[in-house]
Amino acid sequence: MIIVISLTLAFSPFSRAILWSCFETWGTKVIVRLGIYRAWSRQSPVWGSTSQLWRSEIAARNSKSREKIAAQRRFIHEVDETLYLEDKRKDSVAKRNEKLQREAAEMAARCEMEVPPGGGGQGEVSNGVAPMGIGGCETGQSATLRGGAAGRWREFIPNFRGDGISQESIV
């Protein structure tokens, strides 16, 4: 019988846990009922109710300050992230606008050709000058950028506002 109990306690964590729980519960009850705990808590300055209150207030203050600092860091991180994304969006809009301006300048350069004498039809070339209608220009429209007409290329881009956003996308 003693061997069985010894082996059970040695190899069964469940039985050890039950025995330890009973020991702690009954031991605590005995210490509290006999007044040993009360005498010890009065004698020890660390475990008195006043010092415990003081310690808990300090711990609460420290915890609040840590949480406040953490919230400020999170807020700063979110603001930085927002500003970064806004700058990134502005950069992409600026790049898109530069691309649109480059493409418009290229089209204006292609459309800078003059109509040959006699009117010149679609696709007709005489005297080495291409007629209007080639390269994205409409037949019959003057697309020269000479004589202070810089910026007339906007006429050839439908619904162009100048900021890279078409009128159709706004409406």
N, C-alpha and C. Protein backbone atom coordinates (compact mmCIF):
# COMPACT_ATOMS: atom_id res chain seq x y z
N MET A 1 0.81 -1.19 0.00
CA MET A 1 0.00 0.00 0.00
C MET A 1 0.86 1.27 0.00
N ILE A 2 1.89 1.27 0.78
CA ILE A 2 2.79 2.42 0.85
C ILE A 2 3.50 2.62 -0.49
N ILE A 3 3.84 1.54 -1.15
CA ILE A 3 4.51 1.61 -2.45
C ILE A 3 3.57 2.22 -3.49
N VAL A 4 2.32 1.82 -3.48
CA VAL A 4 1.35 2.36 -4.44
C VAL A 4 1.16 3.86 -4.22
N ILE A 5 1.04 4.28 -2.97
CA ILE A 5 0.88 5.71 -2.67
C ILE A 5 2.13 6.48 -3.08
N SER A 6 3.29 5.93 -2.84
CA SER A 6 4.54 6.59 -3.21
C SER A 6 4.66 6.74 -4.72
N LEU A 7 4.34 5.66 -5.44
CA LEU A 7 4.40 5.73 -6.91
C LEU A 7 3.36 6.69 -7.47
N THR A 8 2.18 6.71 -6.87
CA THR A 8 1.13 7.62 -7.34
C THR A 8 1.56 9.07 -7.16
N LEU A 9 2.10 9.39 -6.00
CA LEU A 9 2.56 10.76 -5.75
C LEU A 9 3.77 11.12 -6.62
N ALA A 10 4.61 10.15 -6.89
CA ALA A 10 5.81 10.40 -7.68
C ALA A 10 5.49 10.63 -9.15
N PHE A 11 4.51 9.91 -9.71
CA PHE A 11 4.28 9.96 -11.15
C PHE A 11 2.94 10.57 -11.57
N SER A 12 2.15 11.07 -10.63
CA SER A 12 0.86 11.64 -10.98
C SER A 12 0.83 13.13 -10.62
N PRO A 13 0.94 14.00 -11.61
CA PRO A 13 0.91 15.43 -11.31
C PRO A 13 -0.46 15.88 -10.78
N PHE A 14 -1.52 15.20 -11.19
CA PHE A 14 -2.86 15.54 -10.73
C PHE A 14 -3.00 15.32 -9.22
N SER A 15 -2.53 14.17 -8.74
CA SER A 15 -2.63 13.88 -7.30
C SER A 15 -1.74 14.84 -6.50
N ARG A 16 -0.57 15.19 -7.03
CA ARG A 16 0.29 16.16 -6.34
C ARG A 16 -0.38 17.52 -6.28
N ALA A 17 -1.05 17.92 -7.35
CA ALA A 17 -1.73 19.21 -7.37
C ALA A 17 -2.87 19.25 -6.36
N ILE A 18 -3.61 18.18 -6.25
CA ILE A 18 -4.71 18.12 -5.27
C ILE A 18 -4.16 18.22 -3.85
N LEU A 19 -3.11 17.47 -3.56
CA LEU A 19 -2.53 17.51 -2.21
C LEU A 19 -1.96 18.89 -1.88
N TRP A 20 -1.28 19.52 -2.83
CA TRP A 20 -0.72 20.85 -2.60
C TRP A 20 -1.83 21.89 -2.39
N SER A 21 -2.90 21.81 -3.16
CA SER A 21 -4.03 22.73 -3.01
C SER A 21 -4.66 22.58 -1.63
N CYS A 22 -4.87 21.37 -1.17
CA CYS A 22 -5.43 21.13 0.17
C CYS A 22 -4.51 21.69 1.24
N PHE A 23 -3.20 21.49 1.10
CA PHE A 23 -2.24 21.98 2.07
C PHE A 23 -2.28 23.50 2.15
N GLU A 24 -2.28 24.18 1.00
CA GLU A 24 -2.31 25.64 0.98
C GLU A 24 -3.61 26.18 1.58
N THR A 25 -4.74 25.59 1.19
CA THR A 25 -6.04 26.07 1.68
C THR A 25 -6.13 25.91 3.20
N TRP A 26 -5.84 24.73 3.70
CA TRP A 26 -5.97 24.48 5.14
C TRP A 26 -4.88 25.22 5.91
N GLY A 27 -3.71 25.32 5.36
CA GLY A 27 -2.63 26.05 6.04
C GLY A 27 -2.96 27.52 6.16
N THR A 28 -3.52 28.12 5.11
CA THR A 28 -3.91 29.52 5.16
C THR A 28 -5.00 29.75 6.19
N LYS A 29 -5.98 28.86 6.21
CA LYS A 29 -7.07 28.99 7.20
C LYS A 29 -6.53 28.93 8.62
N VAL A 30 -5.62 28.04 8.91
CA VAL A 30 -5.04 27.88 10.25
C VAL A 30 -4.26 29.14 10.63
N ILE A 31 -3.45 29.66 9.71
CA ILE A 31 -2.65 30.85 10.00
C ILE A 31 -3.53 32.06 10.27
N VAL A 32 -4.60 32.23 9.48
CA VAL A 32 -5.50 33.38 9.66
C VAL A 32 -6.30 33.23 10.95
N ARG A 33 -6.84 32.05 11.24
CA ARG A 33 -7.68 31.84 12.44
C ARG A 33 -6.88 32.01 13.73
N LEU A 34 -5.63 31.61 13.74
CA LEU A 34 -4.83 31.72 14.95
C LEU A 34 -4.30 33.14 15.18
N GLY A 35 -4.45 34.05 14.20
CA GLY A 35 -4.01 35.43 14.35
C GLY A 35 -2.56 35.66 14.00
N ILE A 36 -1.88 34.64 13.51
CA ILE A 36 -0.47 34.77 13.15
C ILE A 36 -0.30 35.78 12.00
N TYR A 37 -1.19 35.75 11.03
CA TYR A 37 -1.12 36.65 9.88
C TYR A 37 -1.29 38.11 10.33
N ARG A 38 -2.25 38.38 11.21
CA ARG A 38 -2.52 39.73 11.69
C ARG A 38 -1.29 40.28 12.42
N ALA A 39 -0.70 39.49 13.27
CA ALA A 39 0.49 39.94 14.01
C ALA A 39 1.65 40.21 13.06
N TRP A 40 1.81 39.38 12.06
CA TRP A 40 2.91 39.57 11.09
C TRP A 40 2.68 40.82 10.26
N SER A 41 1.40 41.07 9.82
CA SER A 41 1.14 42.24 8.97
C SER A 41 1.28 43.54 9.75
N ARG A 42 0.98 43.54 11.05
CA ARG A 42 1.17 44.75 11.86
C ARG A 42 2.65 45.03 12.11
N GLN A 43 3.42 43.99 12.27
CA GLN A 43 4.83 44.14 12.56
C GLN A 43 5.61 44.60 11.33
N SER A 44 5.24 44.13 10.17
CA SER A 44 5.97 44.44 8.94
C SER A 44 5.49 45.77 8.34
N PRO A 45 6.38 46.76 8.15
CA PRO A 45 5.95 48.04 7.60
C PRO A 45 5.60 47.94 6.10
N VAL A 46 6.12 46.95 5.44
CA VAL A 46 5.87 46.81 4.00
C VAL A 46 4.45 46.34 3.73
N TRP A 47 3.91 45.49 4.60
CA TRP A 47 2.60 44.90 4.33
C TRP A 47 1.46 45.56 5.09
N GLY A 48 1.67 46.69 5.72
CA GLY A 48 0.60 47.41 6.39
C GLY A 48 -0.35 48.02 5.37
N SER A 49 -1.57 48.30 5.79
CA SER A 49 -2.57 48.82 4.85
C SER A 49 -2.19 50.19 4.31
N THR A 50 -1.57 51.04 5.13
CA THR A 50 -1.17 52.37 4.68
C THR A 50 -0.08 52.28 3.62
N SER A 51 0.92 51.47 3.86
CA SER A 51 2.00 51.33 2.88
C SER A 51 1.50 50.65 1.61
N GLN A 52 0.56 49.73 1.75
CA GLN A 52 0.00 49.08 0.56
C GLN A 52 -0.79 50.09 -0.28
N LEU A 53 -1.56 50.98 0.37
CA LEU A 53 -2.29 52.02 -0.34
C LEU A 53 -1.33 52.95 -1.07
N TRP A 54 -0.28 53.35 -0.36
CA TRP A 54 0.72 54.22 -0.96
C TRP A 54 1.38 53.56 -2.16
N ARG A 55 1.75 52.29 -2.03
CA ARG A 55 2.37 51.55 -3.14
C ARG A 55 1.41 51.42 -4.34
N SER A 56 0.14 51.15 -4.06
CA SER A 56 -0.82 50.99 -5.17
C SER A 56 -1.04 52.32 -5.88
N GLU A 57 -1.05 53.46 -5.14
CA GLU A 57 -1.20 54.76 -5.78
C GLU A 57 -0.01 55.07 -6.67
N ILE A 58 1.18 54.76 -6.20
CA ILE A 58 2.39 54.97 -7.01
C ILE A 58 2.36 54.09 -8.26
N ALA A 59 1.96 52.84 -8.08
CA ALA A 59 1.88 51.93 -9.23
C ALA A 59 0.85 52.43 -10.24
N ALA A 60 -0.30 52.94 -9.77
CA ALA A 60 -1.32 53.46 -10.67
C ALA A 60 -0.81 54.69 -11.42
N ARG A 61 -0.11 55.61 -10.70
CA ARG A 61 0.45 56.79 -11.35
C ARG A 61 1.46 56.39 -12.42
N ASN A 62 2.34 55.45 -12.10
CA ASN A 62 3.34 55.00 -13.07
C ASN A 62 2.68 54.36 -14.29
N SER A 63 1.66 53.57 -14.03
CA SER A 63 0.96 52.92 -15.13
C SER A 63 0.28 53.95 -16.04
N LYS A 64 -0.35 54.96 -15.42
CA LYS A 64 -0.99 56.02 -16.22
C LYS A 64 0.03 56.77 -17.06
N SER A 65 1.17 57.09 -16.47
CA SER A 65 2.18 57.83 -17.23
C SER A 65 2.73 56.98 -18.38
N ARG A 66 2.93 55.69 -18.14
CA ARG A 66 3.39 54.80 -19.23
C ARG A 66 2.37 54.74 -20.35
N GLU A 67 1.09 54.62 -19.99
CA GLU A 67 0.04 54.55 -21.00
C GLU A 67 -0.09 55.88 -21.76
N LYS A 68 0.09 56.99 -21.05
CA LYS A 68 0.02 58.30 -21.70
C LYS A 68 1.14 58.45 -22.73
N ILE A 69 2.34 58.06 -22.33
CA ILE A 69 3.48 58.13 -23.26
C ILE A 69 3.26 57.21 -24.45
N ALA A 70 2.74 56.02 -24.20
CA ALA A 70 2.48 55.08 -25.29
C ALA A 70 1.41 55.64 -26.23
N ALA A 71 0.36 56.27 -25.69
CA ALA A 71 -0.68 56.86 -26.53
C ALA A 71 -0.12 58.01 -27.35
N GLN A 72 0.76 58.83 -26.77
CA GLN A 72 1.39 59.92 -27.51
C GLN A 72 2.25 59.37 -28.63
N ARG A 73 2.98 58.32 -28.37
CA ARG A 73 3.82 57.72 -29.42
C ARG A 73 2.96 57.15 -30.55
N ARG A 74 1.85 56.49 -30.18
CA ARG A 74 0.95 55.97 -31.22
C ARG A 74 0.38 57.11 -32.06
N PHE A 75 -0.02 58.20 -31.40
CA PHE A 75 -0.57 59.34 -32.11
C PHE A 75 0.46 59.95 -33.06
N ILE A 76 1.69 60.14 -32.56
CA ILE A 76 2.75 60.69 -33.40
C ILE A 76 3.02 59.77 -34.58
N HIS A 77 3.02 58.47 -34.34
CA HIS A 77 3.24 57.50 -35.43
C HIS A 77 2.13 57.61 -36.47
N GLU A 78 0.88 57.73 -36.02
CA GLU A 78 -0.23 57.84 -36.95
C GLU A 78 -0.16 59.14 -37.75
N VAL A 79 0.22 60.24 -37.10
CA VAL A 79 0.36 61.52 -37.80
C VAL A 79 1.49 61.43 -38.83
N ASP A 80 2.61 60.85 -38.42
CA ASP A 80 3.73 60.69 -39.36
C ASP A 80 3.32 59.83 -40.55
N GLU A 81 2.60 58.76 -40.28
CA GLU A 81 2.16 57.88 -41.36
C GLU A 81 1.19 58.63 -42.29
N THR A 82 0.29 59.42 -41.72
CA THR A 82 -0.65 60.19 -42.53
C THR A 82 0.09 61.20 -43.40
N LEU A 83 1.05 61.91 -42.81
CA LEU A 83 1.82 62.89 -43.58
C LEU A 83 2.63 62.20 -44.68
N TYR A 84 3.20 61.04 -44.36
CA TYR A 84 3.97 60.30 -45.36
C TYR A 84 3.08 59.91 -46.54
N LEU A 85 1.89 59.37 -46.22
CA LEU A 85 0.98 58.96 -47.29
C LEU A 85 0.49 60.15 -48.10
N GLU A 86 0.28 61.29 -47.44
CA GLU A 86 -0.14 62.50 -48.15
C GLU A 86 0.97 62.98 -49.09
N ASP A 87 2.22 62.97 -48.61
CA ASP A 87 3.34 63.35 -49.47
C ASP A 87 3.49 62.39 -50.64
N LYS A 88 3.30 61.11 -50.37
CA LYS A 88 3.39 60.11 -51.43
C LYS A 88 2.32 60.35 -52.48
N ARG A 89 1.09 60.67 -52.02
CA ARG A 89 0.00 60.95 -52.96
C ARG A 89 0.30 62.20 -53.77
N LYS A 90 0.82 63.25 -53.12
CA LYS A 90 1.16 64.48 -53.83
C LYS A 90 2.25 64.21 -54.88
N ASP A 91 3.25 63.40 -54.51
CA ASP A 91 4.30 63.05 -55.45
C ASP A 91 3.74 62.31 -56.66
N SER A 92 2.82 61.37 -56.41
CA SER A 92 2.26 60.61 -57.53
C SER A 92 1.41 61.53 -58.42
N VAL A 93 0.69 62.47 -57.82
CA VAL A 93 -0.10 63.42 -58.62
C VAL A 93 0.83 64.31 -59.43
N ALA A 94 1.93 64.77 -58.80
CA ALA A 94 2.89 65.62 -59.51
C ALA A 94 3.54 64.85 -60.67
N LYS A 95 3.90 63.58 -60.43
CA LYS A 95 4.49 62.77 -61.52
C LYS A 95 3.49 62.57 -62.65
N ARG A 96 2.22 62.31 -62.28
CA ARG A 96 1.19 62.13 -63.30
C ARG A 96 0.99 63.42 -64.10
N ASN A 97 1.00 64.57 -63.42
CA ASN A 97 0.85 65.85 -64.11
C ASN A 97 2.04 66.13 -65.02
N GLU A 98 3.26 65.82 -64.54
CA GLU A 98 4.44 65.99 -65.38
C GLU A 98 4.35 65.11 -66.63
N LYS A 99 3.89 63.89 -66.45
CA LYS A 99 3.75 62.98 -67.59
C LYS A 99 2.72 63.53 -68.58
N LEU A 100 1.59 64.02 -68.05
CA LEU A 100 0.57 64.59 -68.94
C LEU A 100 1.11 65.82 -69.66
N GLN A 101 1.87 66.66 -68.97
CA GLN A 101 2.44 67.84 -69.62
C GLN A 101 3.46 67.45 -70.67
N ARG A 102 4.29 66.43 -70.39
CA ARG A 102 5.25 65.95 -71.38
C ARG A 102 4.53 65.42 -72.61
N GLU A 103 3.48 64.60 -72.38
CA GLU A 103 2.74 64.05 -73.51
C GLU A 103 2.06 65.17 -74.30
N ALA A 104 1.53 66.17 -73.60
CA ALA A 104 0.88 67.28 -74.29
C ALA A 104 1.90 68.09 -75.08
N ALA A 105 3.10 68.27 -74.52
CA ALA A 105 4.15 69.01 -75.23
C ALA A 105 4.60 68.23 -76.47
N GLU A 106 4.69 66.89 -76.33
CA GLU A 106 5.06 66.08 -77.49
C GLU A 106 3.99 66.17 -78.57
N MET A 107 2.72 66.14 -78.15
CA MET A 107 1.65 66.25 -79.13
C MET A 107 1.66 67.64 -79.77
N ALA A 108 1.93 68.66 -78.97
CA ALA A 108 2.00 70.01 -79.52
C ALA A 108 3.14 70.12 -80.52
N ALA A 109 4.26 69.45 -80.22
CA ALA A 109 5.40 69.48 -81.14
C ALA A 109 5.06 68.75 -82.44
N ARG A 110 4.30 67.64 -82.32
CA ARG A 110 3.88 66.93 -83.53
C ARG A 110 2.89 67.76 -84.34
N CYS A 111 2.04 68.50 -83.63
CA CYS A 111 1.00 69.27 -84.30
C CYS A 111 1.49 70.62 -84.77
N GLU A 112 2.76 70.93 -84.58
CA GLU A 112 3.32 72.23 -84.94
C GLU A 112 3.49 72.38 -86.45
N MET A 113 3.23 71.33 -87.17
CA MET A 113 3.41 71.35 -88.61
C MET A 113 2.36 72.23 -89.29
N GLU A 114 2.72 72.81 -90.40
CA GLU A 114 1.80 73.68 -91.14
C GLU A 114 1.16 72.90 -92.28
N VAL A 115 0.00 73.35 -92.67
CA VAL A 115 -0.71 72.74 -93.80
C VAL A 115 0.01 73.15 -95.08
N PRO A 116 0.30 72.19 -95.98
CA PRO A 116 1.02 72.54 -97.22
C PRO A 116 0.11 73.33 -98.16
N PRO A 117 0.73 74.00 -99.13
CA PRO A 117 -0.07 74.76 -100.09
C PRO A 117 -1.07 73.85 -100.79
N GLY A 118 -2.26 74.36 -101.00
CA GLY A 118 -3.29 73.58 -101.66
C GLY A 118 -4.14 72.82 -100.66
N GLY A 119 -3.92 72.97 -99.41
CA GLY A 119 -4.78 72.34 -98.41
C GLY A 119 -4.28 71.02 -97.91
N GLY A 120 -3.77 70.18 -98.76
CA GLY A 120 -3.25 68.88 -98.35
C GLY A 120 -4.28 68.03 -97.66
N GLY A 121 -4.56 66.86 -98.16
CA GLY A 121 -5.57 65.98 -97.59
C GLY A 121 -5.00 65.14 -96.46
N GLN A 122 -5.84 64.29 -95.92
CA GLN A 122 -5.43 63.41 -94.84
C GLN A 122 -4.31 62.49 -95.33
N GLY A 123 -3.20 62.51 -94.66
CA GLY A 123 -2.11 61.59 -94.97
C GLY A 123 -1.26 62.01 -96.14
N GLU A 124 -1.58 63.10 -96.80
CA GLU A 124 -0.84 63.57 -97.97
C GLU A 124 0.40 64.34 -97.53
N VAL A 125 1.50 64.12 -98.17
CA VAL A 125 2.71 64.87 -97.85
C VAL A 125 3.20 65.51 -99.13
N SER A 126 3.40 66.85 -99.07
CA SER A 126 4.00 67.52 -100.22
C SER A 126 5.02 68.50 -99.69
N ASN A 127 6.11 68.62 -100.34
CA ASN A 127 7.24 69.48 -99.95
C ASN A 127 7.83 69.07 -98.60
N GLY A 128 7.65 67.83 -98.18
CA GLY A 128 8.25 67.34 -96.95
C GLY A 128 7.56 67.80 -95.68
N VAL A 129 6.39 68.43 -95.80
CA VAL A 129 5.67 68.91 -94.62
C VAL A 129 4.43 68.06 -94.45
N ALA A 130 4.24 67.50 -93.26
CA ALA A 130 3.08 66.65 -93.02
C ALA A 130 1.85 67.51 -92.82
N PRO A 131 0.71 67.08 -93.36
CA PRO A 131 -0.52 67.84 -93.19
C PRO A 131 -1.10 67.63 -91.78
N MET A 132 -2.10 68.43 -91.42
CA MET A 132 -2.79 68.27 -90.16
C MET A 132 -3.55 66.94 -90.20
N GLY A 133 -3.80 66.37 -89.09
CA GLY A 133 -4.51 65.09 -89.04
C GLY A 133 -3.56 63.95 -88.78
N ILE A 134 -2.27 64.21 -88.84
CA ILE A 134 -1.29 63.16 -88.58
C ILE A 134 -0.69 63.42 -87.20
N GLY A 135 -0.55 62.39 -86.41
CA GLY A 135 0.08 62.52 -85.11
C GLY A 135 -0.85 63.04 -84.03
N GLY A 136 -2.15 62.91 -84.22
CA GLY A 136 -3.08 63.29 -83.18
C GLY A 136 -3.69 64.66 -83.37
N CYS A 137 -3.36 65.38 -84.40
CA CYS A 137 -3.92 66.71 -84.63
C CYS A 137 -5.14 66.57 -85.54
N GLU A 138 -6.12 67.42 -85.31
CA GLU A 138 -7.32 67.36 -86.13
C GLU A 138 -7.13 68.18 -87.40
N THR A 139 -7.68 67.73 -88.50
CA THR A 139 -7.53 68.39 -89.79
C THR A 139 -8.20 69.75 -89.75
N GLY A 140 -7.48 70.74 -90.24
CA GLY A 140 -8.05 72.07 -90.36
C GLY A 140 -7.79 72.96 -89.17
N GLN A 141 -7.26 72.47 -88.09
CA GLN A 141 -6.99 73.32 -86.94
C GLN A 141 -5.52 73.71 -86.95
N SER A 142 -5.25 74.94 -86.60
CA SER A 142 -3.88 75.40 -86.53
C SER A 142 -3.35 75.07 -85.15
N ALA A 143 -2.23 74.37 -85.08
CA ALA A 143 -1.69 73.97 -83.79
C ALA A 143 -0.31 74.52 -83.56
N THR A 144 0.02 75.65 -84.24
CA THR A 144 1.36 76.20 -84.05
C THR A 144 1.46 76.84 -82.69
N LEU A 145 2.64 76.77 -82.10
CA LEU A 145 2.87 77.37 -80.81
C LEU A 145 3.64 78.68 -80.96
N ARG A 146 3.74 79.15 -82.21
CA ARG A 146 4.45 80.41 -82.44
C ARG A 146 3.50 81.58 -82.19
N GLY A 147 4.07 82.74 -82.04
CA GLY A 147 3.27 83.95 -81.94
C GLY A 147 2.52 84.06 -80.61
N GLY A 148 3.08 83.59 -79.51
CA GLY A 148 2.45 83.73 -78.20
C GLY A 148 1.27 82.80 -77.98
N ALA A 149 1.15 81.75 -78.77
CA ALA A 149 0.03 80.83 -78.62
C ALA A 149 0.42 79.62 -77.78
N ALA A 150 1.40 79.80 -76.91
CA ALA A 150 1.82 78.67 -76.07
C ALA A 150 0.65 78.24 -75.20
N GLY A 151 0.44 76.97 -75.10
CA GLY A 151 -0.66 76.46 -74.30
C GLY A 151 -1.89 76.14 -75.11
N ARG A 152 -1.86 76.39 -76.45
CA ARG A 152 -3.02 76.06 -77.27
C ARG A 152 -3.20 74.57 -77.42
N TRP A 153 -2.20 73.80 -77.03
CA TRP A 153 -2.30 72.35 -77.14
C TRP A 153 -3.41 71.82 -76.26
N ARG A 154 -3.85 72.62 -75.27
CA ARG A 154 -4.95 72.19 -74.42
C ARG A 154 -6.23 71.97 -75.23
N GLU A 155 -6.34 72.67 -76.36
CA GLU A 155 -7.54 72.51 -77.19
C GLU A 155 -7.63 71.10 -77.76
N PHE A 156 -6.50 70.42 -77.87
CA PHE A 156 -6.50 69.13 -78.53
C PHE A 156 -6.68 67.97 -77.54
N ILE A 157 -6.72 68.26 -76.26
CA ILE A 157 -6.96 67.23 -75.26
C ILE A 157 -8.38 67.43 -74.76
N PRO A 158 -9.26 66.48 -75.00
CA PRO A 158 -10.66 66.67 -74.60
C PRO A 158 -10.79 66.81 -73.09
N ASN A 159 -11.58 67.76 -72.67
CA ASN A 159 -11.92 67.99 -71.26
C ASN A 159 -10.70 68.20 -70.37
N PHE A 160 -9.68 68.88 -70.88
CA PHE A 160 -8.47 69.09 -70.09
C PHE A 160 -8.62 70.34 -69.23
N ARG A 161 -8.29 70.23 -67.92
CA ARG A 161 -8.38 71.37 -67.01
C ARG A 161 -7.02 71.96 -66.70
N GLY A 162 -5.96 71.24 -66.97
CA GLY A 162 -4.63 71.76 -66.69
C GLY A 162 -4.00 71.16 -65.44
N ASP A 163 -4.78 70.51 -64.62
CA ASP A 163 -4.21 69.91 -63.41
C ASP A 163 -4.19 68.39 -63.48
N GLY A 164 -4.42 67.85 -64.66
CA GLY A 164 -4.36 66.40 -64.85
C GLY A 164 -5.67 65.70 -64.56
N ILE A 165 -6.70 66.46 -64.21
CA ILE A 165 -7.99 65.86 -63.92
C ILE A 165 -8.96 66.30 -65.00
N SER A 166 -9.63 65.35 -65.63
CA SER A 166 -10.56 65.70 -66.70
C SER A 166 -11.87 66.15 -66.11
N GLN A 167 -12.60 66.92 -66.87
CA GLN A 167 -13.92 67.40 -66.43
C GLN A 167 -14.87 66.23 -66.22
N GLU A 168 -14.71 65.17 -67.01
CA GLU A 168 -15.62 64.02 -66.92
C GLU A 168 -15.47 63.32 -65.58
N SER A 169 -14.23 63.27 -65.04
CA SER A 169 -14.05 62.57 -63.78
C SER A 169 -14.60 63.36 -62.61
N ILE A 170 -14.78 64.66 -62.76
CA ILE A 170 -15.34 65.50 -61.70
C ILE A 170 -16.84 65.38 -61.67
N VAL A 171 -17.47 65.34 -62.83
CA VAL A 171 -18.94 65.32 -62.91
C VAL A 171 -19.49 64.01 -62.54
